[in-house]
Amino acid sequence: MSVTASTVIRWLKQLGFQWKEVRKGIYIDGHEKPEVIFYRQQYFLPKWKEFESRMPKWSAEGILDQTPLPAGERLLIPCTHDECTFHSNDGVHHRWVHKDKHLIRKKSRGQGLMVSDFILPCNRLEMQSSTPLPAVLLT
């Protein structure tokens, strides 16, 4: 005989537990700060627009469509870095807490895993498995 979720919830409430949101407040996103918006609008995007004519154009099918560059100008390949860090304590948003108890949060965010990638216009940057890593990456 199995116990249904509604029965468990009813008993947790009768025993004095409450479903509460866990707030950590560790995420800070600065992309909407006035100085960041100003820099992006006044410096970064105009410079990108200036360089765009020298960047390769890729179709949705992955075909390069590049017009010839004027003499003396070099092709520019944009290479962006994408990085995310996931922590073992990131996933807890709600939990059952007894009404007489205080929610004790972990002091750390927990073990972290960084996922890092370099993105090119046509694909992600990949290393062949037979290619040895540079010494700086091994330290």
C-alpha atoms as a PDB file:
ATOM      1  CA  MET A   1       0.000   0.000   0.000  1.00  0.00           C
ATOM      2  CA  SER A   2       1.474   3.370  -1.013  1.00  0.00           C
ATOM      3  CA  VAL A   3       0.923   6.750   0.576  1.00  0.00           C
ATOM      4  CA  THR A   4      -0.227   9.564  -1.694  1.00  0.00           C
ATOM      5  CA  ALA A   5       1.445  12.969  -1.849  1.00  0.00           C
ATOM      6  CA  SER A   6      -1.697  14.677  -0.549  1.00  0.00           C
ATOM      7  CA  THR A   7      -1.660  12.440   2.548  1.00  0.00           C
ATOM      8  CA  VAL A   8       1.989  13.289   3.221  1.00  0.00           C
ATOM      9  CA  ILE A   9       1.297  17.026   2.837  1.00  0.00           C
ATOM     10  CA  ARG A  10      -1.726  16.835   5.149  1.00  0.00           C
ATOM     11  CA  TRP A  11       0.330  15.046   7.846  1.00  0.00           C
ATOM     12  CA  LEU A  12       3.258  17.478   7.499  1.00  0.00           C
ATOM     13  CA  LYS A  13       0.867  20.385   8.099  1.00  0.00           C
ATOM     14  CA  GLN A  14      -0.742  18.612  11.086  1.00  0.00           C
ATOM     15  CA  LEU A  15       2.739  18.067  12.564  1.00  0.00           C
ATOM     16  CA  GLY A  16       3.457  21.804  12.325  1.00  0.00           C
ATOM     17  CA  PHE A  17       5.535  22.000   9.150  1.00  0.00           C
ATOM     18  CA  GLN A  18       5.228  24.796   6.635  1.00  0.00           C
ATOM     19  CA  TRP A  19       6.331  24.966   3.003  1.00  0.00           C
ATOM     20  CA  LYS A  20       8.733  27.940   2.878  1.00  0.00           C
ATOM     21  CA  GLU A  21      10.810  29.608   0.214  1.00  0.00           C
ATOM     22  CA  VAL A  22      14.576  29.496   0.710  1.00  0.00           C
ATOM     23  CA  ARG A  23      16.273  32.770  -0.179  1.00  0.00           C
ATOM     24  CA  LYS A  24      20.008  33.082  -0.444  1.00  0.00           C
ATOM     25  CA  GLY A  25      20.433  36.409  -2.196  1.00  0.00           C
ATOM     26  CA  ILE A  26      23.807  35.551  -3.759  1.00  0.00           C
ATOM     27  CA  TYR A  27      23.042  36.351  -7.378  1.00  0.00           C
ATOM     28  CA  ILE A  28      24.094  39.794  -8.557  1.00  0.00           C
ATOM     29  CA  ASP A  29      23.488  40.772 -12.143  1.00  0.00           C
ATOM     30  CA  GLY A  30      24.990  44.078 -13.197  1.00  0.00           C
ATOM     31  CA  HIS A  31      24.013  44.160 -16.871  1.00  0.00           C
ATOM     32  CA  GLU A  32      21.293  46.749 -16.197  1.00  0.00           C
ATOM     33  CA  LYS A  33      23.419  49.183 -14.181  1.00  0.00           C
ATOM     34  CA  PRO A  34      23.398  52.685 -15.731  1.00  0.00           C
ATOM     35  CA  GLU A  35      27.164  52.709 -16.332  1.00  0.00           C
ATOM     36  CA  VAL A  36      27.016  49.297 -18.036  1.00  0.00           C
ATOM     37  CA  ILE A  37      24.161  50.390 -20.302  1.00  0.00           C
ATOM     38  CA  PHE A  38      26.022  53.617 -21.124  1.00  0.00           C
ATOM     39  CA  TYR A  39      29.224  51.746 -22.020  1.00  0.00           C
ATOM     40  CA  ARG A  40      27.354  49.194 -24.133  1.00  0.00           C
ATOM     41  CA  GLN A  41      25.364  51.838 -26.051  1.00  0.00           C
ATOM     42  CA  GLN A  42      28.098  54.478 -26.457  1.00  0.00           C
ATOM     43  CA  TYR A  43      31.252  52.357 -26.939  1.00  0.00           C
ATOM     44  CA  PHE A  44      30.790  48.613 -27.402  1.00  0.00           C
ATOM     45  CA  LEU A  45      27.921  48.478 -29.938  1.00  0.00           C
ATOM     46  CA  PRO A  46      29.253  51.291 -32.190  1.00  0.00           C
ATOM     47  CA  LYS A  47      32.688  49.610 -32.259  1.00  0.00           C
ATOM     48  CA  TRP A  48      31.082  46.231 -33.035  1.00  0.00           C
ATOM     49  CA  LYS A  49      29.104  47.841 -35.888  1.00  0.00           C
ATOM     50  CA  GLU A  50      32.328  49.334 -37.244  1.00  0.00           C
ATOM     51  CA  PHE A  51      34.057  45.924 -37.239  1.00  0.00           C
ATOM     52  CA  GLU A  52      31.041  43.949 -38.530  1.00  0.00           C
ATOM     53  CA  SER A  53      31.878  44.496 -42.207  1.00  0.00           C
ATOM     54  CA  ARG A  54      35.174  42.672 -41.633  1.00  0.00           C
ATOM     55  CA  MET A  55      33.560  39.680 -39.864  1.00  0.00           C
ATOM     56  CA  PRO A  56      32.509  36.472 -41.633  1.00  0.00           C
ATOM     57  CA  LYS A  57      28.787  36.014 -42.271  1.00  0.00           C
ATOM     58  CA  TRP A  58      27.393  32.522 -41.750  1.00  0.00           C
ATOM     59  CA  SER A  59      24.064  31.331 -43.098  1.00  0.00           C
ATOM     60  CA  ALA A  60      21.666  29.194 -41.036  1.00  0.00           C
ATOM     61  CA  GLU A  61      22.999  26.182 -42.978  1.00  0.00           C
ATOM     62  CA  GLY A  62      26.564  26.928 -41.825  1.00  0.00           C
ATOM     63  CA  ILE A  63      27.811  28.258 -45.177  1.00  0.00           C
ATOM     64  CA  LEU A  64      30.316  31.115 -45.180  1.00  0.00           C
ATOM     65  CA  ASP A  65      29.138  34.124 -47.164  1.00  0.00           C
ATOM     66  CA  GLN A  66      31.978  36.628 -47.033  1.00  0.00           C
ATOM     67  CA  THR A  67      32.395  39.508 -49.422  1.00  0.00           C
ATOM     68  CA  PRO A  68      36.014  40.259 -50.337  1.00  0.00           C
ATOM     69  CA  LEU A  69      37.730  42.761 -48.067  1.00  0.00           C
ATOM     70  CA  PRO A  70      39.402  45.933 -49.358  1.00  0.00           C
ATOM     71  CA  ALA A  71      43.172  45.737 -49.798  1.00  0.00           C
ATOM     72  CA  GLY A  72      45.070  45.982 -46.521  1.00  0.00           C
ATOM     73  CA  GLU A  73      42.139  44.990 -44.276  1.00  0.00           C
ATOM     74  CA  ARG A  74      42.117  41.729 -42.343  1.00  0.00           C
ATOM     75  CA  LEU A  75      39.240  39.404 -41.585  1.00  0.00           C
ATOM     76  CA  LEU A  76      38.086  39.630 -37.958  1.00  0.00           C
ATOM     77  CA  ILE A  77      36.799  36.459 -36.281  1.00  0.00           C
ATOM     78  CA  PRO A  78      34.756  37.222 -33.151  1.00  0.00           C
ATOM     79  CA  CYS A  79      35.506  34.729 -30.402  1.00  0.00           C
ATOM     80  CA  THR A  80      33.353  35.061 -27.301  1.00  0.00           C
ATOM     81  CA  HIS A  81      33.735  33.388 -23.942  1.00  0.00           C
ATOM     82  CA  ASP A  82      30.751  31.805 -22.213  1.00  0.00           C
ATOM     83  CA  GLU A  83      31.098  30.702 -18.620  1.00  0.00           C
ATOM     84  CA  CYS A  84      28.630  29.373 -16.056  1.00  0.00           C
ATOM     85  CA  THR A  85      29.210  28.078 -12.543  1.00  0.00           C
ATOM     86  CA  PHE A  86      26.782  25.666 -10.946  1.00  0.00           C
ATOM     87  CA  HIS A  87      26.846  24.976  -7.198  1.00  0.00           C
ATOM     88  CA  SER A  88      25.521  21.955  -5.335  1.00  0.00           C
ATOM     89  CA  ASN A  89      23.358  24.153  -3.059  1.00  0.00           C
ATOM     90  CA  ASP A  90      21.819  26.151  -5.924  1.00  0.00           C
ATOM     91  CA  GLY A  91      18.755  24.007  -6.468  1.00  0.00           C
ATOM     92  CA  VAL A  92      16.879  24.308  -3.150  1.00  0.00           C
ATOM     93  CA  HIS A  93      14.136  26.941  -3.525  1.00  0.00           C
ATOM     94  CA  HIS A  94      11.456  25.598  -1.132  1.00  0.00           C
ATOM     95  CA  ARG A  95      11.475  23.138   1.759  1.00  0.00           C
ATOM     96  CA  TRP A  96       9.357  21.937   4.651  1.00  0.00           C
ATOM     97  CA  VAL A  97      10.323  23.674   7.922  1.00  0.00           C
ATOM     98  CA  HIS A  98       8.745  23.122  11.335  1.00  0.00           C
ATOM     99  CA  LYS A  99       6.926  26.206  12.612  1.00  0.00           C
ATOM    100  CA  ASP A 100       9.018  26.231  15.818  1.00  0.00           C
ATOM    101  CA  LYS A 101      12.326  25.947  13.975  1.00  0.00           C
ATOM    102  CA  HIS A 102      14.397  28.506  12.128  1.00  0.00           C
ATOM    103  CA  LEU A 103      15.604  27.819   8.654  1.00  0.00           C
ATOM    104  CA  ILE A 104      19.331  27.180   8.818  1.00  0.00           C
ATOM    105  CA  ARG A 105      20.933  27.816   5.489  1.00  0.00           C
ATOM    106  CA  LYS A 106      24.285  26.467   4.479  1.00  0.00           C
ATOM    107  CA  LYS A 107      27.023  29.077   4.709  1.00  0.00           C
ATOM    108  CA  SER A 108      28.587  28.130   1.414  1.00  0.00           C
ATOM    109  CA  ARG A 109      27.114  27.671  -2.023  1.00  0.00           C
ATOM    110  CA  GLY A 110      28.561  24.166  -2.026  1.00  0.00           C
ATOM    111  CA  GLN A 111      30.823  22.368  -4.462  1.00  0.00           C
ATOM    112  CA  GLY A 112      31.082  24.234  -7.746  1.00  0.00           C
ATOM    113  CA  LEU A 113      31.311  23.067 -11.326  1.00  0.00           C
ATOM    114  CA  MET A 114      32.465  25.571 -13.940  1.00  0.00           C
ATOM    115  CA  VAL A 115      31.374  25.108 -17.537  1.00  0.00           C
ATOM    116  CA  SER A 116      33.433  27.206 -19.908  1.00  0.00           C
ATOM    117  CA  ASP A 117      33.281  27.501 -23.671  1.00  0.00           C
ATOM    118  CA  PHE A 118      34.644  29.636 -26.492  1.00  0.00           C
ATOM    119  CA  ILE A 119      32.093  30.380 -29.196  1.00  0.00           C
ATOM    120  CA  LEU A 120      33.031  31.158 -32.800  1.00  0.00           C
ATOM    121  CA  PRO A 121      30.614  32.379 -35.499  1.00  0.00           C
ATOM    122  CA  CYS A 122      30.257  28.919 -37.017  1.00  0.00           C
ATOM    123  CA  ASN A 123      30.628  26.618 -34.002  1.00  0.00           C
ATOM    124  CA  ARG A 124      32.177  26.101 -30.590  1.00  0.00           C
ATOM    125  CA  LEU A 125      35.952  25.949 -30.277  1.00  0.00           C
ATOM    126  CA  GLU A 126      37.101  22.346 -29.848  1.00  0.00           C
ATOM    127  CA  MET A 127      40.452  20.728 -29.162  1.00  0.00           C
ATOM    128  CA  GLN A 128      41.369  17.402 -30.672  1.00  0.00           C
ATOM    129  CA  SER A 129      41.985  14.768 -27.994  1.00  0.00           C
ATOM    130  CA  SER A 130      45.499  14.102 -29.370  1.00  0.00           C
ATOM    131  CA  THR A 131      46.469  17.772 -28.931  1.00  0.00           C
ATOM    132  CA  PRO A 132      48.560  18.238 -25.769  1.00  0.00           C
ATOM    133  CA  LEU A 133      47.387  20.967 -23.405  1.00  0.00           C
ATOM    134  CA  PRO A 134      49.610  24.055 -23.072  1.00  0.00           C
ATOM    135  CA  ALA A 135      51.713  24.123 -19.905  1.00  0.00           C
ATOM    136  CA  VAL A 136      49.761  27.089 -18.480  1.00  0.00           C
ATOM    137  CA  LEU A 137      46.544  25.054 -18.525  1.00  0.00           C
ATOM    138  CA  LEU A 138      48.147  22.175 -16.681  1.00  0.00           C
ATOM    139  CA  THR A 139      49.206  24.190 -13.627  1.00  0.00           C
END
